[in-house]
Amino acid sequence: MSEAQRLFDLSGKIALVTGSTRGIGLGIARELAAHGAKVVVSSRKADACERARDEIVAAGGEALAFPCNVGYKEQLQALVDAALGRYGAIDVLVCNAATNPYMGPLQKISDEAFDKIIGTNVRSNVWLCNMAIPQMAERGGGAVILLSSIASIQGTRLLGAYALSKAADSQLARNLAVEWGARNVRVNCIAPGIVRTDFARALYEDPAIYKMAVARYPLGRLGEVDDISGAAVFLASRAGAFVTGQTIVVDGGTTIAGFD
């Protein structure tokens, strides 16, 4: 194995990825498996989990399918228990599952929608990290990756509650990185720009938003799933061993671009 391969090799590692049956989550699960990790795939629906598992296995990887609604603490514990029961460890945790049932100004959001966004996007990550990180620490270390968003570092008229939840995830990563760094547990965020997934379809299929977005991206295109999964492999592997508490922005440059 070359030095370059060694830096990104995940052979023998166990990765648990929530929301991993489509979009960015599935892309991350596939790429972690391609780099040697055994992957636990999870989302709310059992049949979707099984399809994702079968896709990874067909590509030569190893995966366990386990359905879980991250909004329920007992289901998250069952997910962690299943991963530990099957593989004996969780080395890489990717908290990708998220929701955004509301677009519009914060003034008009219902309490129910606000609670759902915060509960799914933040509280569930706190629960899951608290369940998985201690066994990482006992075994000498591990890597946690939270999916944030560039909405967490910008003001927005349409995604205020979602942006708030993703900013909280970035702070969660910083807090946990400090709490667990001495035990060699690294915690980071990835903050994607607009990526072509079903989750962002309402954005990139709106001609006006699409035109405005592409015009502001220095690379002249929206993100693809592979753009995000590559960053996840970096953070999960030896290549990212000295990176913790960071939010890595993967957005084609849009957040640093000025106005011409």
Protein backbone atom coordinates (compact mmCIF):
# COMPACT_ATOMS: atom_id res chain seq x y z
CA MET A 1 0.00 0.00 0.00
CA SER A 2 1.36 3.41 -0.97
CA GLU A 3 1.64 6.27 1.50
CA ALA A 4 -1.18 8.07 -0.28
CA GLN A 5 -3.41 5.02 0.00
CA ARG A 6 -2.49 4.50 3.65
CA LEU A 7 -3.57 8.00 4.59
CA PHE A 8 -7.11 7.36 3.37
CA ASP A 9 -7.38 3.64 4.17
CA LEU A 10 -10.31 2.73 6.43
CA SER A 11 -9.82 -1.03 6.45
CA GLY A 12 -10.96 -2.55 9.72
CA LYS A 13 -12.95 0.54 10.70
CA ILE A 14 -16.65 0.48 11.52
CA ALA A 15 -18.70 3.47 10.35
CA LEU A 16 -22.26 4.32 11.35
CA VAL A 17 -24.01 6.81 9.06
CA THR A 18 -27.49 8.16 9.78
CA GLY A 19 -29.74 9.26 6.95
CA SER A 20 -27.66 7.08 4.65
CA THR A 21 -30.16 5.69 2.15
CA ARG A 22 -30.07 8.57 -0.33
CA GLY A 23 -28.30 11.79 -1.21
CA ILE A 24 -25.26 12.90 0.74
CA GLY A 25 -25.67 10.22 3.42
CA LEU A 26 -25.72 7.38 0.90
CA GLY A 27 -22.77 8.90 -0.94
CA ILE A 28 -20.75 9.06 2.28
CA ALA A 29 -21.67 5.48 3.21
CA ARG A 30 -20.65 4.22 -0.23
CA GLU A 31 -17.34 6.07 -0.17
CA LEU A 32 -16.43 4.97 3.35
CA ALA A 33 -17.12 1.39 2.30
CA ALA A 34 -15.05 1.83 -0.87
CA HIS A 35 -12.13 2.86 1.34
CA GLY A 36 -12.46 -0.29 3.43
CA ALA A 37 -14.87 0.52 6.25
CA LYS A 38 -17.73 -1.73 7.28
CA VAL A 39 -20.77 0.52 7.24
CA VAL A 40 -24.00 0.58 9.22
CA VAL A 41 -26.62 2.28 7.05
CA SER A 42 -29.74 3.73 8.58
CA SER A 43 -32.83 5.76 7.87
CA ARG A 44 -36.47 5.55 8.89
CA LYS A 45 -37.58 2.94 6.35
CA ALA A 46 -36.34 -0.65 6.47
CA ASP A 47 -36.69 -1.25 2.72
CA ALA A 48 -34.60 1.83 1.93
CA CYS A 49 -31.92 0.63 4.36
CA GLU A 50 -31.87 -2.76 2.70
CA ARG A 51 -31.50 -1.23 -0.77
CA ALA A 52 -28.58 0.91 0.39
CA ARG A 53 -26.94 -2.10 2.02
CA ASP A 54 -27.39 -4.18 -1.12
CA GLU A 55 -25.86 -1.43 -3.26
CA ILE A 56 -22.78 -1.27 -1.03
CA VAL A 57 -22.42 -5.06 -0.94
CA ALA A 58 -22.81 -5.29 -4.72
CA ALA A 59 -19.91 -2.87 -5.06
CA GLY A 60 -17.72 -5.13 -2.92
CA GLY A 61 -18.24 -3.53 0.48
CA GLU A 62 -19.75 -4.76 3.73
CA ALA A 63 -22.79 -3.17 5.33
CA LEU A 64 -25.47 -3.67 7.95
CA ALA A 65 -28.96 -2.22 7.43
CA PHE A 66 -30.82 -0.99 10.51
CA PRO A 67 -33.84 1.34 10.38
CA CYS A 68 -34.03 4.18 12.89
CA ASN A 69 -35.96 7.40 13.37
CA VAL A 70 -33.37 9.69 14.96
CA GLY A 71 -36.09 11.68 16.68
CA TYR A 72 -36.57 8.86 19.19
CA LYS A 73 -33.85 8.26 21.75
CA GLU A 74 -34.69 4.59 22.21
CA GLN A 75 -34.37 3.97 18.47
CA LEU A 76 -30.96 5.64 18.41
CA GLN A 77 -29.83 3.44 21.29
CA ALA A 78 -31.08 0.39 19.43
CA LEU A 79 -29.08 1.50 16.38
CA VAL A 80 -25.88 1.89 18.40
CA ASP A 81 -26.51 -1.43 20.13
CA ALA A 82 -27.01 -3.16 16.77
CA ALA A 83 -23.74 -1.75 15.41
CA LEU A 84 -21.84 -2.78 18.52
CA GLY A 85 -23.54 -6.16 18.58
CA ARG A 86 -22.61 -6.90 14.97
CA TYR A 87 -19.14 -5.38 14.78
CA GLY A 88 -18.06 -4.73 18.37
CA ALA A 89 -17.15 -1.09 17.77
CA ILE A 90 -18.03 2.20 16.12
CA ASP A 91 -14.91 3.98 14.87
CA VAL A 92 -16.56 6.58 12.65
CA LEU A 93 -19.90 8.24 13.35
CA VAL A 94 -21.54 10.38 10.68
CA CYS A 95 -24.59 12.34 11.84
CA ASN A 96 -26.25 13.16 8.54
CA ALA A 97 -29.98 12.72 9.17
CA ALA A 98 -31.76 16.07 9.12
CA THR A 99 -35.06 17.68 8.30
CA ASN A 100 -36.41 21.01 7.13
CA PRO A 101 -40.21 21.03 7.03
CA TYR A 102 -40.47 24.82 6.74
CA MET A 103 -39.14 27.52 4.43
CA GLY A 104 -39.87 31.12 5.27
CA PRO A 105 -39.27 33.83 7.87
CA LEU A 106 -38.79 32.85 11.51
CA GLN A 107 -41.71 35.09 12.42
CA LYS A 108 -44.13 32.68 10.80
CA ILE A 109 -42.71 29.29 11.79
CA SER A 110 -44.97 27.11 13.92
CA ASP A 111 -43.81 25.76 17.25
CA GLU A 112 -44.22 22.25 15.89
CA ALA A 113 -41.97 22.87 12.88
CA PHE A 114 -39.36 24.63 15.01
CA ASP A 115 -39.29 21.82 17.56
CA LYS A 116 -39.00 19.21 14.81
CA ILE A 117 -36.04 20.99 13.18
CA ILE A 118 -34.15 21.44 16.44
CA GLY A 119 -35.03 17.98 17.70
CA THR A 120 -33.98 16.16 14.55
CA ASN A 121 -31.00 18.28 13.55
CA VAL A 122 -29.46 19.02 16.95
CA ARG A 123 -30.87 17.05 19.87
CA SER A 124 -30.61 13.71 18.07
CA ASN A 125 -26.93 14.42 17.32
CA VAL A 126 -26.28 15.15 21.00
CA TRP A 127 -27.96 11.88 21.93
CA LEU A 128 -26.11 9.85 19.34
CA CYS A 129 -22.72 11.34 20.13
CA ASN A 130 -23.23 10.67 23.83
CA MET A 131 -24.05 7.06 23.02
CA ALA A 132 -21.18 6.40 20.59
CA ILE A 133 -18.24 8.52 21.71
CA PRO A 134 -17.49 6.87 25.07
CA GLN A 135 -16.74 3.50 23.46
CA MET A 136 -14.49 5.28 20.94
CA ALA A 137 -12.56 6.82 23.81
CA GLU A 138 -12.24 3.49 25.59
CA ARG A 139 -10.78 1.95 22.44
CA GLY A 140 -8.23 4.71 21.82
CA GLY A 141 -10.09 7.17 19.63
CA GLY A 142 -12.45 7.72 16.75
CA ALA A 143 -13.94 10.27 14.38
CA VAL A 144 -17.31 12.01 14.44
CA ILE A 145 -18.60 13.97 11.46
CA LEU A 146 -21.67 16.20 11.70
CA LEU A 147 -23.32 17.56 8.57
CA SER A 148 -23.79 21.29 8.89
CA SER A 149 -24.52 23.75 6.05
CA ILE A 150 -23.29 27.05 4.68
CA ALA A 151 -26.64 28.34 5.94
CA SER A 152 -25.03 28.15 9.39
CA ILE A 153 -22.62 30.98 8.54
CA GLN A 154 -24.91 33.22 6.51
CA GLY A 155 -28.10 35.12 7.12
CA THR A 156 -31.12 33.78 5.26
CA ARG A 157 -34.70 34.86 4.65
CA LEU A 158 -35.97 31.35 3.90
CA LEU A 159 -33.99 28.90 6.03
CA GLY A 160 -33.76 30.62 9.40
CA ALA A 161 -34.66 27.70 11.66
CA TYR A 162 -32.67 25.21 9.61
CA ALA A 163 -29.68 27.58 9.60
CA LEU A 164 -29.97 27.96 13.37
CA SER A 165 -29.91 24.20 13.81
CA LYS A 166 -26.86 23.81 11.60
CA ALA A 167 -24.99 26.57 13.43
CA ALA A 168 -25.73 24.64 16.61
CA ASP A 169 -24.20 21.53 15.04
CA SER A 170 -20.99 23.43 14.33
CA GLN A 171 -20.86 24.54 17.96
CA LEU A 172 -21.62 20.99 19.07
CA ALA A 173 -18.57 19.83 17.12
CA ARG A 174 -16.38 22.43 18.81
CA ASN A 175 -17.66 21.53 22.27
CA LEU A 176 -17.26 17.79 21.80
CA ALA A 177 -13.83 18.24 20.23
CA VAL A 178 -12.68 19.99 23.40
CA GLU A 179 -14.40 17.52 25.72
CA TRP A 180 -13.02 14.41 24.03
CA GLY A 181 -9.80 15.52 22.37
CA ALA A 182 -7.61 14.15 25.15
CA ARG A 183 -9.07 10.72 24.41
CA ASN A 184 -8.21 11.02 20.69
CA VAL A 185 -11.80 11.47 19.55
CA ARG A 186 -12.01 14.02 16.74
CA VAL A 187 -15.27 15.83 16.01
CA ASN A 188 -15.79 17.95 12.91
CA CYS A 189 -18.50 19.34 10.65
CA ILE A 190 -18.89 19.49 6.90
CA ALA A 191 -20.87 22.51 5.67
CA PRO A 192 -22.01 21.91 2.09
CA GLY A 193 -23.29 24.51 -0.28
CA ILE A 194 -26.20 23.59 -2.54
CA VAL A 195 -25.73 19.95 -3.58
CA ARG A 196 -27.82 18.15 -6.16
CA THR A 197 -29.88 15.90 -3.89
CA ASP A 198 -33.59 15.38 -3.28
CA PHE A 199 -33.21 17.34 -0.01
CA ALA A 200 -32.18 20.48 -1.91
CA ARG A 201 -34.41 19.96 -4.91
CA ALA A 202 -36.67 22.89 -3.96
CA LEU A 203 -33.63 25.15 -4.28
CA TYR A 204 -31.92 24.02 -7.44
CA GLU A 205 -35.13 23.30 -9.39
CA ASP A 206 -36.30 26.89 -8.90
CA PRO A 207 -34.93 28.61 -12.02
CA ALA A 208 -34.43 31.95 -10.29
CA ILE A 209 -32.60 30.44 -7.29
CA TYR A 210 -30.53 28.18 -9.53
CA LYS A 211 -29.43 31.05 -11.76
CA MET A 212 -28.55 33.23 -8.77
CA ALA A 213 -26.69 30.38 -7.03
CA VAL A 214 -24.56 29.37 -10.00
CA ALA A 215 -23.70 32.99 -10.70
CA ARG A 216 -22.28 33.30 -7.17
CA TYR A 217 -20.29 30.04 -7.20
CA PRO A 218 -16.72 30.75 -8.36
CA LEU A 219 -16.48 27.19 -9.69
CA GLY A 220 -19.56 27.86 -11.80
CA ARG A 221 -21.55 24.83 -10.70
CA LEU A 222 -23.51 23.39 -7.80
CA GLY A 223 -22.11 20.64 -5.62
CA GLU A 224 -22.35 16.92 -6.29
CA VAL A 225 -22.59 14.17 -3.69
CA ASP A 226 -19.00 13.04 -4.35
CA ASP A 227 -17.76 16.50 -3.39
CA ILE A 228 -19.07 15.93 0.12
CA SER A 229 -18.26 12.23 0.50
CA GLY A 230 -14.62 12.91 -0.34
CA ALA A 231 -14.41 15.39 2.52
CA ALA A 232 -15.96 12.80 4.84
CA VAL A 233 -13.31 10.22 3.92
CA PHE A 234 -10.61 12.78 4.71
CA LEU A 235 -12.08 13.54 8.14
CA ALA A 236 -12.63 9.86 8.95
CA SER A 237 -9.15 8.71 7.95
CA ARG A 238 -5.53 9.10 9.01
CA ALA A 239 -5.31 12.02 6.58
CA GLY A 240 -7.47 14.09 8.95
CA ALA A 241 -5.85 12.93 12.18
CA PHE A 242 -4.85 16.46 13.28
CA VAL A 243 -8.15 18.10 12.42
CA THR A 244 -10.80 18.54 15.10
CA GLY A 245 -13.43 21.06 16.09
CA GLN A 246 -13.59 22.46 12.56
CA THR A 247 -16.39 23.19 10.14
CA ILE A 248 -15.05 22.47 6.67
CA VAL A 249 -16.96 24.47 4.08
CA VAL A 250 -17.46 22.59 0.80
CA ASP A 251 -19.35 25.08 -1.32
CA GLY A 252 -17.54 25.80 -4.57
CA GLY A 253 -16.37 29.10 -3.07
CA THR A 254 -19.73 30.79 -2.81
CA THR A 255 -19.26 32.02 0.77
CA ILE A 256 -16.02 33.81 -0.11
CA ALA A 257 -17.16 35.33 -3.37
CA GLY A 258 -17.77 39.05 -3.62
CA PHE A 259 -20.24 40.85 -5.84
CA ASP A 260 -19.00 41.99 -9.24
